[in-house]
Amino acid sequence: TGPFSEYHLLYQTIEHTLYNGAYTYNAKMHAHLSESGNYLISYN
């Protein structure tokens, strides 16, 4: 429940430069598909 630290940038999406009017949202880490030190993250 926090308090959480400041945000640290991991990745800047590029789809807004590839597709007309595109935007990205809903970033999530999938802990059950990740390993220690190797994290799987998805976004839409």
PDB file of all heavy atoms in Angstrom:
ATOM      1  N   THR A   1       0.808  -1.217   0.000  1.00  0.00           N
ATOM      2  CA  THR A   1       0.000   0.000   0.000  1.00  0.00           C
ATOM      3  C   THR A   1       0.844   1.273   0.000  1.00  0.00           C
ATOM      4  O   THR A   1       0.305   2.372   0.079  1.00  0.00           O
ATOM      5  CB  THR A   1      -0.940   0.017   1.220  1.00  0.00           C
ATOM      6  OG1 THR A   1      -0.158  -0.102   2.411  1.00  0.00           O
ATOM      7  CG2 THR A   1      -1.954  -1.110   1.141  1.00  0.00           C
ATOM      8  N   GLY A   2       2.171   1.121  -0.080  1.00  0.00           N
ATOM      9  CA  GLY A   2       3.049   2.285  -0.146  1.00  0.00           C
ATOM     10  C   GLY A   2       3.450   2.777   1.226  1.00  0.00           C
ATOM     11  O   GLY A   2       3.248   2.083   2.212  1.00  0.00           O
ATOM     12  N   PRO A   3       4.040   3.940   1.283  1.00  0.00           N
ATOM     13  CA  PRO A   3       4.208   4.898   0.193  1.00  0.00           C
ATOM     14  C   PRO A   3       5.256   4.421  -0.821  1.00  0.00           C
ATOM     15  O   PRO A   3       6.220   3.757  -0.459  1.00  0.00           O
ATOM     16  CB  PRO A   3       4.682   6.173   0.896  1.00  0.00           C
ATOM     17  CG  PRO A   3       5.388   5.676   2.122  1.00  0.00           C
ATOM     18  CD  PRO A   3       4.650   4.421   2.535  1.00  0.00           C
ATOM     19  N   PHE A   4       5.030   4.791  -2.079  1.00  0.00           N
ATOM     20  CA  PHE A   4       5.916   4.402  -3.169  1.00  0.00           C
ATOM     21  C   PHE A   4       6.910   5.509  -3.484  1.00  0.00           C
ATOM     22  O   PHE A   4       6.635   6.691  -3.256  1.00  0.00           O
ATOM     23  CB  PHE A   4       5.110   4.063  -4.424  1.00  0.00           C
ATOM     24  CG  PHE A   4       4.462   2.708  -4.342  1.00  0.00           C
ATOM     25  CD1 PHE A   4       3.221   2.545  -3.775  1.00  0.00           C
ATOM     26  CD2 PHE A   4       5.113   1.584  -4.828  1.00  0.00           C
ATOM     27  CE1 PHE A   4       2.623   1.296  -3.685  1.00  0.00           C
ATOM     28  CE2 PHE A   4       4.540   0.332  -4.742  1.00  0.00           C
ATOM     29  CZ  PHE A   4       3.285   0.185  -4.167  1.00  0.00           C
ATOM     30  N   SER A   5       8.032   5.103  -4.026  1.00  0.00           N
ATOM     31  CA  SER A   5       9.069   6.051  -4.428  1.00  0.00           C
ATOM     32  C   SER A   5       8.585   6.868  -5.633  1.00  0.00           C
ATOM     33  O   SER A   5       7.511   6.619  -6.184  1.00  0.00           O
ATOM     34  CB  SER A   5      10.344   5.291  -4.818  1.00  0.00           C
ATOM     35  OG  SER A   5      10.124   4.553  -6.021  1.00  0.00           O
ATOM     36  N   GLU A   6       9.401   7.795  -6.055  1.00  0.00           N
ATOM     37  CA  GLU A   6       9.143   8.511  -7.308  1.00  0.00           C
ATOM     38  C   GLU A   6       9.195   7.507  -8.454  1.00  0.00           C
ATOM     39  O   GLU A   6       9.824   6.449  -8.339  1.00  0.00           O
ATOM     40  CB  GLU A   6      10.218   9.585  -7.536  1.00  0.00           C
ATOM     41  CG  GLU A   6      10.214  10.686  -6.499  1.00  0.00           C
ATOM     42  CD  GLU A   6       8.967  11.545  -6.574  1.00  0.00           C
ATOM     43  OE1 GLU A   6       8.536  11.867  -7.690  1.00  0.00           O
ATOM     44  OE2 GLU A   6       8.420  11.880  -5.507  1.00  0.00           O
ATOM     45  N   TYR A   7       8.577   7.832  -9.577  1.00  0.00           N
ATOM     46  CA  TYR A   7       8.631   6.960 -10.755  1.00  0.00           C
ATOM     47  C   TYR A   7      10.016   6.987 -11.383  1.00  0.00           C
ATOM     48  O   TYR A   7      10.692   8.016 -11.392  1.00  0.00           O
ATOM     49  CB  TYR A   7       7.620   7.401 -11.809  1.00  0.00           C
ATOM     50  CG  TYR A   7       6.181   7.123 -11.438  1.00  0.00           C
ATOM     51  CD1 TYR A   7       5.228   8.117 -11.548  1.00  0.00           C
ATOM     52  CD2 TYR A   7       5.784   5.870 -10.988  1.00  0.00           C
ATOM     53  CE1 TYR A   7       3.904   7.874 -11.226  1.00  0.00           C
ATOM     54  CE2 TYR A   7       4.463   5.623 -10.657  1.00  0.00           C
ATOM     55  CZ  TYR A   7       3.535   6.625 -10.778  1.00  0.00           C
ATOM     56  OH  TYR A   7       2.228   6.372 -10.454  1.00  0.00           O
ATOM     57  N   HIS A   8      10.411   5.824 -11.918  1.00  0.00           N
ATOM     58  CA  HIS A   8      11.655   5.681 -12.672  1.00  0.00           C
ATOM     59  C   HIS A   8      11.283   5.132 -14.049  1.00  0.00           C
ATOM     60  O   HIS A   8      10.644   4.086 -14.149  1.00  0.00           O
ATOM     61  CB  HIS A   8      12.612   4.717 -11.965  1.00  0.00           C
ATOM     62  CG  HIS A   8      12.946   5.142 -10.574  1.00  0.00           C
ATOM     63  ND1 HIS A   8      13.918   6.070 -10.293  1.00  0.00           N
ATOM     64  CD2 HIS A   8      12.413   4.781  -9.381  1.00  0.00           C
ATOM     65  CE1 HIS A   8      13.976   6.251  -8.983  1.00  0.00           C
ATOM     66  NE2 HIS A   8      13.067   5.477  -8.409  1.00  0.00           N
ATOM     67  N   LEU A   9      11.689   5.825 -15.094  1.00  0.00           N
ATOM     68  CA  LEU A   9      11.330   5.437 -16.450  1.00  0.00           C
ATOM     69  C   LEU A   9      12.034   4.146 -16.852  1.00  0.00           C
ATOM     70  O   LEU A   9      13.247   4.003 -16.703  1.00  0.00           O
ATOM     71  CB  LEU A   9      11.708   6.548 -17.438  1.00  0.00           C
ATOM     72  CG  LEU A   9      11.348   6.307 -18.897  1.00  0.00           C
ATOM     73  CD1 LEU A   9       9.835   6.248 -19.092  1.00  0.00           C
ATOM     74  CD2 LEU A   9      11.953   7.410 -19.770  1.00  0.00           C
ATOM     75  N   LEU A  10      11.245   3.185 -17.364  1.00  0.00           N
ATOM     76  CA  LEU A  10      11.782   1.925 -17.883  1.00  0.00           C
ATOM     77  C   LEU A  10      11.824   1.920 -19.402  1.00  0.00           C
ATOM     78  O   LEU A  10      12.757   1.421 -20.008  1.00  0.00           O
ATOM     79  CB  LEU A  10      10.910   0.742 -17.432  1.00  0.00           C
ATOM     80  CG  LEU A  10      10.952   0.347 -15.988  1.00  0.00           C
ATOM     81  CD1 LEU A  10       9.877  -0.679 -15.685  1.00  0.00           C
ATOM     82  CD2 LEU A  10      12.326  -0.228 -15.657  1.00  0.00           C
ATOM     83  N   TYR A  11      10.765   2.470 -20.014  1.00  0.00           N
ATOM     84  CA  TYR A  11      10.614   2.353 -21.462  1.00  0.00           C
ATOM     85  C   TYR A  11       9.683   3.448 -21.963  1.00  0.00           C
ATOM     86  O   TYR A  11       8.662   3.728 -21.331  1.00  0.00           O
ATOM     87  CB  TYR A  11      10.028   0.976 -21.788  1.00  0.00           C
ATOM     88  CG  TYR A  11       9.834   0.696 -23.253  1.00  0.00           C
ATOM     89  CD1 TYR A  11      10.909   0.397 -24.075  1.00  0.00           C
ATOM     90  CD2 TYR A  11       8.566   0.719 -23.819  1.00  0.00           C
ATOM     91  CE1 TYR A  11      10.728   0.127 -25.420  1.00  0.00           C
ATOM     92  CE2 TYR A  11       8.375   0.448 -25.163  1.00  0.00           C
ATOM     93  CZ  TYR A  11       9.465   0.158 -25.959  1.00  0.00           C
ATOM     94  OH  TYR A  11       9.278  -0.106 -27.283  1.00  0.00           O
ATOM     95  N   GLN A  12      10.035   4.050 -23.090  1.00  0.00           N
ATOM     96  CA  GLN A  12       9.172   5.033 -23.746  1.00  0.00           C
ATOM     97  C   GLN A  12       8.580   4.375 -24.991  1.00  0.00           C
ATOM     98  O   GLN A  12       9.321   3.947 -25.871  1.00  0.00           O
ATOM     99  CB  GLN A  12       9.963   6.281 -24.152  1.00  0.00           C
ATOM    100  CG  GLN A  12       9.154   7.297 -24.913  1.00  0.00           C
ATOM    101  CD  GLN A  12       8.065   7.952 -24.083  1.00  0.00           C
ATOM    102  OE1 GLN A  12       8.341   8.500 -23.024  1.00  0.00           O
ATOM    103  NE2 GLN A  12       6.835   7.881 -24.545  1.00  0.00           N
ATOM    104  N   THR A  13       7.264   4.263 -25.052  1.00  0.00           N
ATOM    105  CA  THR A  13       6.621   3.623 -26.201  1.00  0.00           C
ATOM    106  C   THR A  13       6.762   4.501 -27.441  1.00  0.00           C
ATOM    107  O   THR A  13       6.934   5.717 -27.340  1.00  0.00           O
ATOM    108  CB  THR A  13       5.132   3.344 -25.925  1.00  0.00           C
ATOM    109  OG1 THR A  13       4.451   4.583 -25.741  1.00  0.00           O
ATOM    110  CG2 THR A  13       4.964   2.465 -24.700  1.00  0.00           C
ATOM    111  N   ILE A  14       6.668   3.871 -28.629  1.00  0.00           N
ATOM    112  CA  ILE A  14       6.859   4.619 -29.882  1.00  0.00           C
ATOM    113  C   ILE A  14       5.658   4.542 -30.818  1.00  0.00           C
ATOM    114  O   ILE A  14       5.669   5.153 -31.878  1.00  0.00           O
ATOM    115  CB  ILE A  14       8.102   4.117 -30.633  1.00  0.00           C
ATOM    116  CG1 ILE A  14       7.947   2.636 -31.006  1.00  0.00           C
ATOM    117  CG2 ILE A  14       9.363   4.360 -29.827  1.00  0.00           C
ATOM    118  CD1 ILE A  14       8.957   2.144 -31.999  1.00  0.00           C
ATOM    119  N   GLU A  15       4.625   3.821 -30.444  1.00  0.00           N
ATOM    120  CA  GLU A  15       3.504   3.611 -31.355  1.00  0.00           C
ATOM    121  C   GLU A  15       2.834   4.904 -31.797  1.00  0.00           C
ATOM    122  O   GLU A  15       2.309   4.977 -32.909  1.00  0.00           O
ATOM    123  CB  GLU A  15       2.472   2.665 -30.731  1.00  0.00           C
ATOM    124  CG  GLU A  15       2.903   1.223 -30.726  1.00  0.00           C
ATOM    125  CD  GLU A  15       3.935   0.875 -29.666  1.00  0.00           C
ATOM    126  OE1 GLU A  15       4.215   1.721 -28.785  1.00  0.00           O
ATOM    127  OE2 GLU A  15       4.464  -0.243 -29.700  1.00  0.00           O
ATOM    128  N   HIS A  16       2.869   5.953 -30.984  1.00  0.00           N
ATOM    129  CA  HIS A  16       2.266   7.225 -31.371  1.00  0.00           C
ATOM    130  C   HIS A  16       2.982   7.830 -32.584  1.00  0.00           C
ATOM    131  O   HIS A  16       2.412   8.644 -33.295  1.00  0.00           O
ATOM    132  CB  HIS A  16       2.248   8.207 -30.197  1.00  0.00           C
ATOM    133  CG  HIS A  16       3.606   8.654 -29.768  1.00  0.00           C
ATOM    134  ND1 HIS A  16       4.437   7.859 -28.994  1.00  0.00           N
ATOM    135  CD2 HIS A  16       4.288   9.784 -30.019  1.00  0.00           C
ATOM    136  CE1 HIS A  16       5.567   8.505 -28.782  1.00  0.00           C
ATOM    137  NE2 HIS A  16       5.496   9.676 -29.395  1.00  0.00           N
ATOM    138  N   THR A  17       4.220   7.415 -32.833  1.00  0.00           N
ATOM    139  CA  THR A  17       4.949   7.912 -34.011  1.00  0.00           C
ATOM    140  C   THR A  17       4.733   7.012 -35.229  1.00  0.00           C
ATOM    141  O   THR A  17       5.054   7.418 -36.348  1.00  0.00           O
ATOM    142  CB  THR A  17       6.466   8.001 -33.737  1.00  0.00           C
ATOM    143  OG1 THR A  17       6.990   6.680 -33.529  1.00  0.00           O
ATOM    144  CG2 THR A  17       6.764   8.864 -32.529  1.00  0.00           C
ATOM    145  N   LEU A  18       4.208   5.818 -35.029  1.00  0.00           N
ATOM    146  CA  LEU A  18       4.041   4.855 -36.116  1.00  0.00           C
ATOM    147  C   LEU A  18       2.643   4.838 -36.710  1.00  0.00           C
ATOM    148  O   LEU A  18       2.478   4.539 -37.891  1.00  0.00           O
ATOM    149  CB  LEU A  18       4.371   3.440 -35.604  1.00  0.00           C
ATOM    150  CG  LEU A  18       5.757   3.224 -35.024  1.00  0.00           C
ATOM    151  CD1 LEU A  18       5.868   1.815 -34.457  1.00  0.00           C
ATOM    152  CD2 LEU A  18       6.810   3.476 -36.077  1.00  0.00           C
ATOM    153  N   TYR A  19       1.636   5.113 -35.882  1.00  0.00           N
ATOM    154  CA  TYR A  19       0.243   4.988 -36.305  1.00  0.00           C
ATOM    155  C   TYR A  19      -0.503   6.287 -36.033  1.00  0.00           C
ATOM    156  O   TYR A  19      -0.363   6.870 -34.955  1.00  0.00           O
ATOM    157  CB  TYR A  19      -0.444   3.836 -35.566  1.00  0.00           C
ATOM    158  CG  TYR A  19       0.278   2.526 -35.691  1.00  0.00           C
ATOM    159  CD1 TYR A  19       0.929   1.969 -34.604  1.00  0.00           C
ATOM    160  CD2 TYR A  19       0.329   1.845 -36.903  1.00  0.00           C
ATOM    161  CE1 TYR A  19       1.601   0.764 -34.711  1.00  0.00           C
ATOM    162  CE2 TYR A  19       1.001   0.643 -37.019  1.00  0.00           C
ATOM    163  CZ  TYR A  19       1.637   0.105 -35.922  1.00  0.00           C
ATOM    164  OH  TYR A  19       2.305  -1.076 -36.033  1.00  0.00           O
ATOM    165  N   ASN A  20      -1.310   6.692 -36.963  1.00  0.00           N
ATOM    166  CA  ASN A  20      -2.065   7.937 -36.890  1.00  0.00           C
ATOM    167  C   ASN A  20      -3.028   7.931 -35.701  1.00  0.00           C
ATOM    168  O   ASN A  20      -3.913   7.098 -35.623  1.00  0.00           O
ATOM    169  CB  ASN A  20      -2.845   8.126 -38.191  1.00  0.00           C
ATOM    170  CG  ASN A  20      -3.456   9.500 -38.308  1.00  0.00           C
ATOM    171  OD1 ASN A  20      -3.194  10.372 -37.502  1.00  0.00           O
ATOM    172  ND2 ASN A  20      -4.282   9.681 -39.315  1.00  0.00           N
ATOM    173  N   GLY A  21      -2.818   8.853 -34.761  1.00  0.00           N
ATOM    174  CA  GLY A  21      -3.692   8.975 -33.603  1.00  0.00           C
ATOM    175  C   GLY A  21      -3.503   7.921 -32.534  1.00  0.00           C
ATOM    176  O   GLY A  21      -4.317   7.816 -31.618  1.00  0.00           O
ATOM    177  N   ALA A  22      -2.446   7.127 -32.619  1.00  0.00           N
ATOM    178  CA  ALA A  22      -2.247   6.031 -31.666  1.00  0.00           C
ATOM    179  C   ALA A  22      -1.819   6.550 -30.293  1.00  0.00           C
ATOM    180  O   ALA A  22      -1.144   7.569 -30.173  1.00  0.00           O
ATOM    181  CB  ALA A  22      -1.214   5.042 -32.190  1.00  0.00           C
ATOM    182  N   TYR A  23      -2.231   5.823 -29.279  1.00  0.00           N
ATOM    183  CA  TYR A  23      -1.784   6.090 -27.917  1.00  0.00           C
ATOM    184  C   TYR A  23      -1.628   4.756 -27.186  1.00  0.00           C
ATOM    185  O   TYR A  23      -2.214   3.748 -27.568  1.00  0.00           O
ATOM    186  CB  TYR A  23      -2.758   7.006 -27.172  1.00  0.00           C
ATOM    187  CG  TYR A  23      -4.172   6.494 -27.096  1.00  0.00           C
ATOM    188  CD1 TYR A  23      -4.596   5.710 -26.032  1.00  0.00           C
ATOM    189  CD2 TYR A  23      -5.094   6.796 -28.099  1.00  0.00           C
ATOM    190  CE1 TYR A  23      -5.900   5.235 -25.956  1.00  0.00           C
ATOM    191  CE2 TYR A  23      -6.402   6.342 -28.031  1.00  0.00           C
ATOM    192  CZ  TYR A  23      -6.800   5.560 -26.964  1.00  0.00           C
ATOM    193  OH  TYR A  23      -8.079   5.097 -26.899  1.00  0.00           O
ATOM    194  N   THR A  24      -0.801   4.758 -26.161  1.00  0.00           N
ATOM    195  CA  THR A  24      -0.538   3.537 -25.392  1.00  0.00           C
ATOM    196  C   THR A  24      -1.033   3.732 -23.967  1.00  0.00           C
ATOM    197  O   THR A  24      -1.081   4.843 -23.455  1.00  0.00           O
ATOM    198  CB  THR A  24       0.965   3.212 -25.393  1.00  0.00           C
ATOM    199  OG1 THR A  24       1.693   4.342 -24.911  1.00  0.00           O
ATOM    200  CG2 THR A  24       1.456   2.870 -26.789  1.00  0.00           C
ATOM    201  N   TYR A  25      -1.404   2.614 -23.338  1.00  0.00           N
ATOM    202  CA  TYR A  25      -1.986   2.676 -22.003  1.00  0.00           C
ATOM    203  C   TYR A  25      -1.899   1.298 -21.344  1.00  0.00           C
ATOM    204  O   TYR A  25      -1.531   0.320 -21.976  1.00  0.00           O
ATOM    205  CB  TYR A  25      -3.455   3.125 -22.076  1.00  0.00           C
ATOM    206  CG  TYR A  25      -4.352   2.159 -22.811  1.00  0.00           C
ATOM    207  CD1 TYR A  25      -5.174   1.281 -22.120  1.00  0.00           C
ATOM    208  CD2 TYR A  25      -4.366   2.099 -24.203  1.00  0.00           C
ATOM    209  CE1 TYR A  25      -5.989   0.376 -22.796  1.00  0.00           C
ATOM    210  CE2 TYR A  25      -5.174   1.213 -24.893  1.00  0.00           C
ATOM    211  CZ  TYR A  25      -5.982   0.357 -24.180  1.00  0.00           C
ATOM    212  OH  TYR A  25      -6.773  -0.546 -24.844  1.00  0.00           O
ATOM    213  N   ASN A  26      -2.228   1.222 -20.065  1.00  0.00           N
ATOM    214  CA  ASN A  26      -2.434  -0.037 -19.353  1.00  0.00           C
ATOM    215  C   ASN A  26      -1.161  -0.867 -19.163  1.00  0.00           C
ATOM    216  O   ASN A  26      -1.185  -2.084 -19.315  1.00  0.00           O
ATOM    217  CB  ASN A  26      -3.511  -0.855 -20.084  1.00  0.00           C
ATOM    218  CG  ASN A  26      -4.142  -1.910 -19.211  1.00  0.00           C
ATOM    219  OD1 ASN A  26      -4.257  -1.730 -18.017  1.00  0.00           O
ATOM    220  ND2 ASN A  26      -4.540  -3.009 -19.810  1.00  0.00           N
ATOM    221  N   ALA A  27      -0.060  -0.238 -18.816  1.00  0.00           N
ATOM    222  CA  ALA A  27       1.176  -0.992 -18.558  1.00  0.00           C
ATOM    223  C   ALA A  27       1.017  -1.841 -17.300  1.00  0.00           C
ATOM    224  O   ALA A  27       0.496  -1.368 -16.284  1.00  0.00           O
ATOM    225  CB  ALA A  27       2.353  -0.040 -18.398  1.00  0.00           C
ATOM    226  N   LYS A  28       1.445  -3.088 -17.391  1.00  0.00           N
ATOM    227  CA  LYS A  28       1.360  -4.017 -16.255  1.00  0.00           C
ATOM    228  C   LYS A  28       2.565  -4.952 -16.258  1.00  0.00           C
ATOM    229  O   LYS A  28       2.981  -5.410 -17.310  1.00  0.00           O
ATOM    230  CB  LYS A  28       0.107  -4.888 -16.356  1.00  0.00           C
ATOM    231  CG  LYS A  28      -1.192  -4.127 -16.276  1.00  0.00           C
ATOM    232  CD  LYS A  28      -2.350  -5.080 -16.204  1.00  0.00           C
ATOM    233  CE  LYS A  28      -3.670  -4.364 -16.142  1.00  0.00           C
ATOM    234  NZ  LYS A  28      -3.854  -3.517 -15.006  1.00  0.00           N
ATOM    235  N   MET A  29       3.077  -5.229 -15.067  1.00  0.00           N
ATOM    236  CA  MET A  29       4.118  -6.240 -14.947  1.00  0.00           C
ATOM    237  C   MET A  29       3.446  -7.578 -14.645  1.00  0.00           C
ATOM    238  O   MET A  29       2.510  -7.639 -13.856  1.00  0.00           O
ATOM    239  CB  MET A  29       5.117  -5.920 -13.851  1.00  0.00           C
ATOM    240  CG  MET A  29       6.232  -6.962 -13.791  1.00  0.00           C
ATOM    241  SD  MET A  29       7.581  -6.543 -12.700  1.00  0.00           S
ATOM    242  CE  MET A  29       6.859  -6.884 -11.117  1.00  0.00           C
ATOM    243  N   HIS A  30       3.931  -8.624 -15.266  1.00  0.00           N
ATOM    244  CA  HIS A  30       3.387  -9.966 -15.055  1.00  0.00           C
ATOM    245  C   HIS A  30       4.371 -10.761 -14.196  1.00  0.00           C
ATOM    246  O   HIS A  30       5.242 -11.465 -14.715  1.00  0.00           O
ATOM    247  CB  HIS A  30       3.154 -10.641 -16.409  1.00  0.00           C
ATOM    248  CG  HIS A  30       2.219  -9.852 -17.270  1.00  0.00           C
ATOM    249  ND1 HIS A  30       0.858  -9.948 -17.147  1.00  0.00           N
ATOM    250  CD2 HIS A  30       2.457  -8.927 -18.221  1.00  0.00           C
ATOM    251  CE1 HIS A  30       0.290  -9.126 -18.011  1.00  0.00           C
ATOM    252  NE2 HIS A  30       1.230  -8.491 -18.669  1.00  0.00           N
ATOM    253  N   ALA A  31       4.210 -10.634 -12.884  1.00  0.00           N
ATOM    254  CA  ALA A  31       5.130 -11.280 -11.954  1.00  0.00           C
ATOM    255  C   ALA A  31       5.140 -12.798 -12.120  1.00  0.00           C
ATOM    256  O   ALA A  31       6.188 -13.434 -11.996  1.00  0.00           O
ATOM    257  CB  ALA A  31       4.764 -10.915 -10.520  1.00  0.00           C
ATOM    258  N   HIS A  32       3.998 -13.391 -12.434  1.00  0.00           N
ATOM    259  CA  HIS A  32       3.905 -14.850 -12.573  1.00  0.00           C
ATOM    260  C   HIS A  32       4.613 -15.352 -13.833  1.00  0.00           C
ATOM    261  O   HIS A  32       4.886 -16.540 -13.948  1.00  0.00           O
ATOM    262  CB  HIS A  32       2.443 -15.287 -12.567  1.00  0.00           C
ATOM    263  CG  HIS A  32       1.639 -14.750 -13.700  1.00  0.00           C
ATOM    264  ND1 HIS A  32       1.322 -13.408 -13.806  1.00  0.00           N
ATOM    265  CD2 HIS A  32       1.104 -15.356 -14.768  1.00  0.00           C
ATOM    266  CE1 HIS A  32       0.616 -13.226 -14.903  1.00  0.00           C
ATOM    267  NE2 HIS A  32       0.469 -14.383 -15.504  1.00  0.00           N
ATOM    268  N   LEU A  33       4.923 -14.460 -14.765  1.00  0.00           N
ATOM    269  CA  LEU A  33       5.663 -14.827 -15.983  1.00  0.00           C
ATOM    270  C   LEU A  33       7.075 -14.258 -15.984  1.00  0.00           C
ATOM    271  O   LEU A  33       7.780 -14.369 -16.980  1.00  0.00           O
ATOM    272  CB  LEU A  33       4.911 -14.340 -17.226  1.00  0.00           C
ATOM    273  CG  LEU A  33       3.514 -14.927 -17.423  1.00  0.00           C
ATOM    274  CD1 LEU A  33       2.817 -14.254 -18.583  1.00  0.00           C
ATOM    275  CD2 LEU A  33       3.592 -16.437 -17.633  1.00  0.00           C
ATOM    276  N   SER A  34       7.462 -13.647 -14.890  1.00  0.00           N
ATOM    277  CA  SER A  34       8.781 -13.036 -14.764  1.00  0.00           C
ATOM    278  C   SER A  34       9.682 -13.905 -13.908  1.00  0.00           C
ATOM    279  O   SER A  34       9.217 -14.771 -13.175  1.00  0.00           O
ATOM    280  CB  SER A  34       8.666 -11.647 -14.113  1.00  0.00           C
ATOM    281  OG  SER A  34       7.890 -10.779 -14.898  1.00  0.00           O
ATOM    282  N   GLU A  35      10.969 -13.649 -14.021  1.00  0.00           N
ATOM    283  CA  GLU A  35      11.966 -14.295 -13.176  1.00  0.00           C
ATOM    284  C   GLU A  35      12.690 -13.201 -12.409  1.00  0.00           C
ATOM    285  O   GLU A  35      12.604 -12.029 -12.771  1.00  0.00           O
ATOM    286  CB  GLU A  35      12.959 -15.071 -14.045  1.00  0.00           C
ATOM    287  CG  GLU A  35      12.316 -16.149 -14.894  1.00  0.00           C
ATOM    288  CD  GLU A  35      13.279 -16.714 -15.933  1.00  0.00           C
ATOM    289  OE1 GLU A  35      14.385 -16.174 -16.100  1.00  0.00           O
ATOM    290  OE2 GLU A  35      12.899 -17.686 -16.588  1.00  0.00           O
ATOM    291  N   SER A  36      13.393 -13.576 -11.391  1.00  0.00           N
ATOM    292  CA  SER A  36      14.147 -12.601 -10.622  1.00  0.00           C
ATOM    293  C   SER A  36      15.116 -11.857 -11.539  1.00  0.00           C
ATOM    294  O   SER A  36      15.932 -12.470 -12.219  1.00  0.00           O
ATOM    295  CB  SER A  36      14.915 -13.301  -9.497  1.00  0.00           C
ATOM    296  OG  SER A  36      15.639 -12.349  -8.757  1.00  0.00           O
ATOM    297  N   GLY A  37      14.976 -10.535 -11.584  1.00  0.00           N
ATOM    298  CA  GLY A  37      15.861  -9.717 -12.407  1.00  0.00           C
ATOM    299  C   GLY A  37      15.522  -9.713 -13.886  1.00  0.00           C
ATOM    300  O   GLY A  37      16.245  -9.131 -14.686  1.00  0.00           O
ATOM    301  N   ASN A  38      14.420 -10.338 -14.290  1.00  0.00           N
ATOM    302  CA  ASN A  38      14.018 -10.400 -15.700  1.00  0.00           C
ATOM    303  C   ASN A  38      12.488 -10.292 -15.736  1.00  0.00           C
ATOM    304  O   ASN A  38      11.791 -11.282 -15.550  1.00  0.00           O
ATOM    305  CB  ASN A  38      14.499 -11.700 -16.321  1.00  0.00           C
ATOM    306  CG  ASN A  38      14.264 -11.762 -17.810  1.00  0.00           C
ATOM    307  OD1 ASN A  38      13.637 -10.894 -18.397  1.00  0.00           O
ATOM    308  ND2 ASN A  38      14.781 -12.809 -18.412  1.00  0.00           N
ATOM    309  N   TYR A  39      11.988  -9.082 -15.972  1.00  0.00           N
ATOM    310  CA  TYR A  39      10.575  -8.791 -15.783  1.00  0.00           C
ATOM    311  C   TYR A  39       9.838  -8.678 -17.121  1.00  0.00           C
ATOM    312  O   TYR A  39      10.313  -8.015 -18.046  1.00  0.00           O
ATOM    313  CB  TYR A  39      10.425  -7.476 -15.007  1.00  0.00           C
ATOM    314  CG  TYR A  39      11.260  -7.455 -13.751  1.00  0.00           C
ATOM    315  CD1 TYR A  39      12.393  -6.666 -13.660  1.00  0.00           C
ATOM    316  CD2 TYR A  39      10.941  -8.268 -12.674  1.00  0.00           C
ATOM    317  CE1 TYR A  39      13.168  -6.650 -12.515  1.00  0.00           C
ATOM    318  CE2 TYR A  39      11.713  -8.266 -11.523  1.00  0.00           C
ATOM    319  CZ  TYR A  39      12.828  -7.457 -11.453  1.00  0.00           C
ATOM    320  OH  TYR A  39      13.594  -7.465 -10.324  1.00  0.00           O
ATOM    321  N   LEU A  40       8.663  -9.302 -17.201  1.00  0.00           N
ATOM    322  CA  LEU A  40       7.819  -9.203 -18.393  1.00  0.00           C
ATOM    323  C   LEU A  40       6.747  -8.152 -18.133  1.00  0.00           C
ATOM    324  O   LEU A  40       6.017  -8.220 -17.144  1.00  0.00           O
ATOM    325  CB  LEU A  40       7.159 -10.542 -18.712  1.00  0.00           C
ATOM    326  CG  LEU A  40       6.245 -10.535 -19.937  1.00  0.00           C
ATOM    327  CD1 LEU A  40       7.058 -10.281 -21.209  1.00  0.00           C
ATOM    328  CD2 LEU A  40       5.485 -11.836 -20.041  1.00  0.00           C
ATOM    329  N   ILE A  41       6.663  -7.162 -19.034  1.00  0.00           N
ATOM    330  CA  ILE A  41       5.715  -6.059 -18.914  1.00  0.00           C
ATOM    331  C   ILE A  41       4.924  -5.960 -20.216  1.00  0.00           C
ATOM    332  O   ILE A  41       5.488  -6.107 -21.303  1.00  0.00           O
ATOM    333  CB  ILE A  41       6.452  -4.734 -18.633  1.00  0.00           C
ATOM    334  CG1 ILE A  41       7.197  -4.844 -17.298  1.00  0.00           C
ATOM    335  CG2 ILE A  41       5.496  -3.553 -18.648  1.00  0.00           C
ATOM    336  CD1 ILE A  41       8.145  -3.707 -17.019  1.00  0.00           C
ATOM    337  N   SER A  42       3.625  -5.722 -20.094  1.00  0.00           N
ATOM    338  CA  SER A  42       2.792  -5.534 -21.284  1.00  0.00           C
ATOM    339  C   SER A  42       2.151  -4.155 -21.243  1.00  0.00           C
ATOM    340  O   SER A  42       2.042  -3.521 -20.195  1.00  0.00           O
ATOM    341  CB  SER A  42       1.699  -6.608 -21.357  1.00  0.00           C
ATOM    342  OG  SER A  42       0.767  -6.436 -20.312  1.00  0.00           O
ATOM    343  N   TYR A  43       1.746  -3.694 -22.433  1.00  0.00           N
ATOM    344  CA  TYR A  43       0.928  -2.484 -22.539  1.00  0.00           C
ATOM    345  C   TYR A  43       0.069  -2.615 -23.783  1.00  0.00           C
ATOM    346  O   TYR A  43       0.305  -3.477 -24.633  1.00  0.00           O
ATOM    347  CB  TYR A  43       1.784  -1.210 -22.564  1.00  0.00           C
ATOM    348  CG  TYR A  43       2.719  -1.079 -23.741  1.00  0.00           C
ATOM    349  CD1 TYR A  43       2.332  -0.401 -24.892  1.00  0.00           C
ATOM    350  CD2 TYR A  43       3.996  -1.609 -23.716  1.00  0.00           C
ATOM    351  CE1 TYR A  43       3.182  -0.256 -25.979  1.00  0.00           C
ATOM    352  CE2 TYR A  43       4.857  -1.479 -24.781  1.00  0.00           C
ATOM    353  CZ  TYR A  43       4.451  -0.801 -25.909  1.00  0.00           C
ATOM    354  OH  TYR A  43       5.301  -0.670 -26.974  1.00  0.00           O
ATOM    355  N   ASN A  44      -0.951  -1.780 -23.879  1.00  0.00           N
ATOM    356  CA  ASN A  44      -1.892  -1.845 -24.988  1.00  0.00           C
ATOM    357  C   ASN A  44      -1.813  -0.589 -25.843  1.00  0.00           C
ATOM    358  O   ASN A  44      -1.348   0.455 -25.389  1.00  0.00           O
ATOM    359  CB  ASN A  44      -3.320  -2.022 -24.466  1.00  0.00           C
ATOM    360  CG  ASN A  44      -3.489  -3.364 -23.804  1.00  0.00           C
ATOM    361  OD1 ASN A  44      -3.255  -4.392 -24.405  1.00  0.00           O
ATOM    362  ND2 ASN A  44      -3.893  -3.355 -22.542  1.00  0.00           N
TER     363      ASN A  44
END
